[in-house]
Amino acid sequence: MLDCCTRKSRCRGAFTLIEVLVVIAIVTILLAFLMPALVRARQEARECVCKNNLHQQGLAFSFYNNDWDGFYPPGHFWKTNLETYLSTHYAFKCPSRPDLPWHLGHGYNVGCVSARIDPARYSGGPVVGIANFRVHAVKGAATKIVTAEWDQCAAGPPIGQTGFYYADGTAPPPYGPGCAALCYWAVCRVHDNGSNVLFAEGHVEWMLPDQYHSDTLEADQTGSPVPVPPGTDITTVPESVWRKYWDPTYTVE
């Protein structure tokens, strides 16, 4: 009798197959609700780390400016010039793109040389960029791009020719992305279709490339812009807008 009661007690303490299936279904539903939030939280954490890395770049620029009579570093090897003020290369990395080499991923504003500007389309003349520019001469520092997330290591306004170039605008031999620093169309959309941008005033902001450059998706292997959607024409922001962000001599009225 005792053995029989014990067996009945054990049976009452066990789960039936239907109960197990109900629990599994409930857990699955909860995960379906939670997973998008968890993925979003992870993306936001990566974006936050990326912004912090750009803040570190901003501090390094400030230290360089103090040591070099208030000038920004030249376009060539600008990251190497900032290494003295950074403990690691991590400030040049984005956690959303861990496999990207440290010397890529952030484009330094080198402007656009006059030889590549069509005066019939752009009335404001050449864009000198931040590189080699004096800090105190920057007009509207809160809107002037210093570096932006980019797929090369030098960047410029949406008026330059397609292709890959050295930071001074000369085309490198052999032609291709592996030996180039500058591509005017290598915008980056790694964070929720946008990218983080460091401004001369020191703050970092998430922006869509459509706000400061164009609706380009990315640059292809020839350095040409890929439109969104493919097969359509590229639409750039007006000259008054891109100068506001890329030209340190431009004053917003």
Protein backbone atom coordinates (compact mmCIF):
# COMPACT_ATOMS: atom_id res chain seq x y z
CA MET A 1 0.00 0.00 0.00
CA LEU A 2 2.79 2.44 0.90
CA ASP A 3 4.62 1.69 -2.32
CA CYS A 4 1.47 2.28 -4.34
CA CYS A 5 0.85 5.66 -2.67
CA THR A 6 4.44 6.67 -3.31
CA ARG A 7 4.09 5.88 -6.98
CA LYS A 8 0.85 7.89 -7.18
CA SER A 9 2.55 10.84 -5.48
CA ARG A 10 5.40 10.74 -7.97
CA CYS A 11 2.97 10.62 -10.85
CA ARG A 12 1.09 13.66 -9.58
CA GLY A 13 4.40 15.63 -9.38
CA ALA A 14 5.36 15.03 -13.03
CA PHE A 15 4.47 17.22 -16.04
CA THR A 16 2.24 15.87 -18.75
CA LEU A 17 3.24 16.21 -22.41
CA ILE A 18 0.56 18.84 -22.97
CA GLU A 19 1.86 20.94 -20.06
CA VAL A 20 5.40 20.78 -21.42
CA LEU A 21 4.21 21.85 -24.87
CA VAL A 22 2.25 24.76 -23.36
CA VAL A 23 5.35 25.94 -21.46
CA ILE A 24 7.47 25.69 -24.60
CA ALA A 25 4.88 27.69 -26.55
CA ILE A 26 4.77 30.41 -23.88
CA VAL A 27 8.58 30.67 -23.78
CA THR A 28 8.69 30.84 -27.58
CA ILE A 29 6.14 33.66 -27.64
CA LEU A 30 8.07 35.58 -24.96
CA LEU A 31 11.32 35.18 -26.89
CA ALA A 32 9.61 36.40 -30.05
CA PHE A 33 8.69 39.59 -28.22
CA LEU A 34 12.04 39.98 -26.44
CA MET A 35 14.50 39.17 -29.24
CA PRO A 36 13.92 42.35 -31.32
CA ALA A 37 14.38 44.42 -28.17
CA LEU A 38 17.57 42.55 -27.29
CA VAL A 39 18.94 42.95 -30.82
CA ARG A 40 18.10 46.67 -30.75
CA ALA A 41 19.75 47.06 -27.35
CA ARG A 42 22.88 45.36 -28.67
CA GLN A 43 22.95 47.64 -31.72
CA GLU A 44 22.52 50.72 -29.53
CA ALA A 45 25.36 49.53 -27.29
CA ARG A 46 27.65 49.20 -30.31
CA GLU A 47 26.63 52.64 -31.55
CA CYS A 48 27.39 54.06 -28.10
CA VAL A 49 30.86 52.48 -28.09
CA CYS A 50 31.45 53.82 -31.61
CA LYS A 51 30.46 57.33 -30.49
CA ASN A 52 32.82 57.07 -27.54
CA ASN A 53 35.64 56.10 -29.92
CA LEU A 54 34.95 59.22 -31.98
CA HIS A 55 35.04 61.28 -28.78
CA GLN A 56 38.49 59.81 -28.15
CA GLN A 57 39.50 60.90 -31.64
CA GLY A 58 38.22 64.38 -30.84
CA LEU A 59 40.41 64.56 -27.73
CA ALA A 60 43.41 63.37 -29.75
CA PHE A 61 42.77 66.11 -32.31
CA SER A 62 42.66 68.67 -29.48
CA PHE A 63 46.00 67.49 -28.11
CA TYR A 64 47.52 67.59 -31.59
CA ASN A 65 46.15 71.09 -32.16
CA ASN A 66 47.75 72.29 -28.93
CA ASP A 67 51.11 70.81 -29.88
CA TRP A 68 51.09 72.11 -33.47
CA ASP A 69 50.19 75.78 -33.10
CA GLY A 70 46.46 75.25 -33.49
CA PHE A 71 46.53 73.36 -36.79
CA TYR A 72 44.79 70.13 -37.71
CA PRO A 73 47.03 67.32 -38.99
CA PRO A 74 47.60 66.90 -42.74
CA GLY A 75 45.49 64.45 -44.69
CA HIS A 76 48.28 61.94 -45.25
CA PHE A 77 48.73 59.55 -42.30
CA TRP A 78 46.40 61.56 -40.07
CA LYS A 79 45.70 58.51 -37.92
CA THR A 80 49.41 57.91 -37.48
CA ASN A 81 49.78 61.53 -36.32
CA LEU A 82 47.11 60.97 -33.68
CA GLU A 83 48.57 57.68 -32.40
CA THR A 84 50.82 59.57 -29.98
CA TYR A 85 47.74 60.74 -28.11
CA LEU A 86 45.91 57.38 -28.04
CA SER A 87 46.84 54.24 -26.12
CA THR A 88 45.55 51.82 -28.79
CA HIS A 89 44.08 51.72 -32.28
CA TYR A 90 40.68 50.95 -30.75
CA ALA A 91 39.53 54.55 -31.16
CA PHE A 92 39.70 53.96 -34.93
CA LYS A 93 37.55 50.82 -34.76
CA CYS A 94 33.80 50.32 -34.80
CA PRO A 95 32.42 47.30 -32.87
CA SER A 96 29.85 46.80 -35.63
CA ARG A 97 32.70 46.19 -38.11
CA PRO A 98 35.37 44.37 -36.07
CA ASP A 99 37.12 42.87 -39.12
CA LEU A 100 37.72 46.21 -40.84
CA PRO A 101 41.41 47.31 -40.66
CA TRP A 102 41.98 50.14 -38.19
CA HIS A 103 43.29 52.48 -40.89
CA LEU A 104 39.90 52.37 -42.65
CA GLY A 105 36.43 53.07 -41.32
CA HIS A 106 36.74 56.80 -40.55
CA GLY A 107 37.07 59.46 -43.21
CA TYR A 108 38.99 62.65 -42.42
CA ASN A 109 37.57 65.78 -44.01
CA VAL A 110 40.17 66.74 -46.64
CA GLY A 111 37.73 68.82 -48.69
CA CYS A 112 37.87 68.78 -52.48
CA VAL A 113 40.63 70.27 -54.65
CA SER A 114 39.55 72.98 -57.09
CA ALA A 115 40.54 70.93 -60.14
CA ARG A 116 37.66 68.58 -59.40
CA ILE A 117 34.97 71.24 -58.97
CA ASP A 118 32.78 72.28 -61.88
CA PRO A 119 32.43 76.11 -61.51
CA ALA A 120 29.28 76.01 -63.61
CA ARG A 121 27.58 73.90 -60.93
CA TYR A 122 29.28 75.05 -57.72
CA SER A 123 29.72 78.76 -57.18
CA GLY A 124 31.56 78.76 -53.86
CA GLY A 125 34.99 77.70 -55.12
CA PRO A 126 37.24 74.96 -53.72
CA VAL A 127 36.60 73.23 -50.39
CA VAL A 128 39.76 73.28 -48.31
CA GLY A 129 38.59 70.75 -45.73
CA ILE A 130 39.68 70.47 -42.11
CA ALA A 131 43.09 68.92 -42.88
CA ASN A 132 45.91 71.45 -42.36
CA PHE A 133 43.36 74.06 -41.32
CA ARG A 134 43.76 76.32 -38.29
CA VAL A 135 41.34 75.48 -35.48
CA HIS A 136 40.41 79.08 -34.62
CA ALA A 137 39.67 79.88 -38.27
CA VAL A 138 36.89 77.27 -38.54
CA LYS A 139 33.56 79.01 -39.03
CA GLY A 140 30.56 77.35 -37.43
CA ALA A 141 32.61 74.65 -35.70
CA ALA A 142 29.49 72.90 -34.38
CA THR A 143 28.49 72.01 -37.96
CA LYS A 144 31.90 71.31 -39.53
CA ILE A 145 32.80 67.65 -40.02
CA VAL A 146 36.21 66.52 -38.83
CA THR A 147 35.77 62.78 -39.28
CA ALA A 148 32.82 60.60 -40.22
CA GLU A 149 32.36 56.87 -40.44
CA TRP A 150 33.58 56.13 -43.95
CA ASP A 151 34.81 53.19 -46.00
CA GLN A 152 38.16 54.84 -46.75
CA CYS A 153 40.32 56.98 -44.45
CA ALA A 154 39.71 60.36 -46.12
CA ALA A 155 36.40 61.93 -47.03
CA GLY A 156 34.98 64.96 -48.79
CA PRO A 157 31.81 66.62 -50.08
CA PRO A 158 29.59 65.04 -52.76
CA ILE A 159 31.19 66.94 -55.65
CA GLY A 160 34.39 64.99 -56.26
CA GLN A 161 35.02 62.61 -59.11
CA THR A 162 34.46 58.92 -58.69
CA GLY A 163 37.41 56.65 -57.99
CA PHE A 164 40.13 56.35 -55.37
CA TYR A 165 42.78 58.98 -54.68
CA TYR A 166 45.50 59.99 -52.32
CA ALA A 167 44.48 62.54 -49.70
CA ASP A 168 45.82 65.41 -51.87
CA GLY A 169 43.47 64.41 -54.69
CA THR A 170 46.01 62.71 -56.96
CA ALA A 171 45.05 59.30 -58.31
CA PRO A 172 47.25 56.47 -56.96
CA PRO A 173 48.94 53.88 -59.22
CA PRO A 174 47.72 51.22 -59.50
CA TYR A 175 44.09 52.32 -59.48
CA GLY A 176 42.06 50.71 -56.75
CA PRO A 177 40.84 50.84 -53.15
CA GLY A 178 43.77 48.92 -51.71
CA CYS A 179 46.25 51.74 -52.32
CA ALA A 180 44.00 54.75 -51.85
CA ALA A 181 43.09 57.02 -48.98
CA LEU A 182 40.31 59.17 -50.42
CA CYS A 183 36.98 58.33 -52.01
CA TYR A 184 34.36 61.06 -52.15
CA TRP A 185 31.50 58.53 -52.27
CA ALA A 186 32.47 55.95 -49.63
CA VAL A 187 29.67 56.87 -47.23
CA CYS A 188 28.86 54.49 -44.40
CA ARG A 189 25.46 53.32 -43.15
CA VAL A 190 26.54 50.89 -40.45
CA HIS A 191 24.24 52.14 -37.63
CA ASP A 192 20.55 51.93 -38.49
CA ASN A 193 21.16 53.26 -42.01
CA GLY A 194 23.28 56.12 -40.66
CA SER A 195 26.72 56.83 -39.24
CA ASN A 196 28.44 58.71 -36.44
CA VAL A 197 30.12 62.03 -37.19
CA LEU A 198 32.71 64.04 -35.19
CA PHE A 199 32.42 67.82 -35.46
CA ALA A 200 35.09 70.49 -34.95
CA GLU A 201 33.31 71.82 -31.87
CA GLY A 202 33.89 68.40 -30.26
CA HIS A 203 30.49 66.72 -30.18
CA VAL A 204 29.57 63.46 -31.92
CA GLU A 205 26.24 62.98 -33.64
CA TRP A 206 24.47 60.16 -35.48
CA MET A 207 23.35 61.30 -38.92
CA LEU A 208 22.05 59.96 -42.17
CA PRO A 209 24.42 60.52 -45.12
CA ASP A 210 21.34 61.99 -46.84
CA GLN A 211 21.63 64.94 -44.42
CA TYR A 212 25.24 65.96 -45.11
CA HIS A 213 26.23 64.20 -48.35
CA SER A 214 23.86 62.27 -50.61
CA ASP A 215 21.53 59.29 -50.81
CA THR A 216 24.46 57.08 -51.81
CA LEU A 217 24.35 53.60 -50.29
CA GLU A 218 28.10 52.96 -50.58
CA ALA A 219 30.99 53.14 -53.03
CA ASP A 220 31.58 50.13 -55.28
CA GLN A 221 34.95 48.58 -56.14
CA THR A 222 35.65 51.34 -58.68
CA GLY A 223 34.91 54.14 -56.22
CA SER A 224 31.58 54.97 -57.87
CA PRO A 225 28.46 55.69 -55.80
CA VAL A 226 25.83 52.96 -55.49
CA PRO A 227 22.37 54.58 -55.42
CA VAL A 228 19.35 53.67 -53.30
CA PRO A 229 17.56 51.92 -54.88
CA PRO A 230 20.03 50.50 -57.44
CA GLY A 231 19.59 51.79 -60.96
CA THR A 232 18.41 55.26 -59.96
CA ASP A 233 20.30 58.56 -60.04
CA ILE A 234 22.29 59.83 -57.07
CA THR A 235 20.77 62.83 -55.33
CA THR A 236 23.22 65.06 -53.45
CA VAL A 237 22.31 67.66 -50.87
CA PRO A 238 22.33 71.28 -52.14
CA GLU A 239 25.62 73.20 -52.16
CA SER A 240 24.51 75.39 -49.26
CA VAL A 241 23.97 72.24 -47.19
CA TRP A 242 27.16 70.32 -47.99
CA ARG A 243 29.27 73.46 -47.55
CA LYS A 244 27.71 73.90 -44.12
CA TYR A 245 29.21 70.53 -43.13
CA TRP A 246 32.40 70.21 -45.23
CA ASP A 247 33.75 73.73 -45.83
CA PRO A 248 35.40 75.29 -42.72
CA THR A 249 35.44 78.72 -44.40
CA TYR A 250 31.67 78.70 -45.03
CA THR A 251 29.41 80.73 -42.77
CA VAL A 252 25.78 79.72 -42.39
CA GLU A 253 23.63 82.81 -42.76
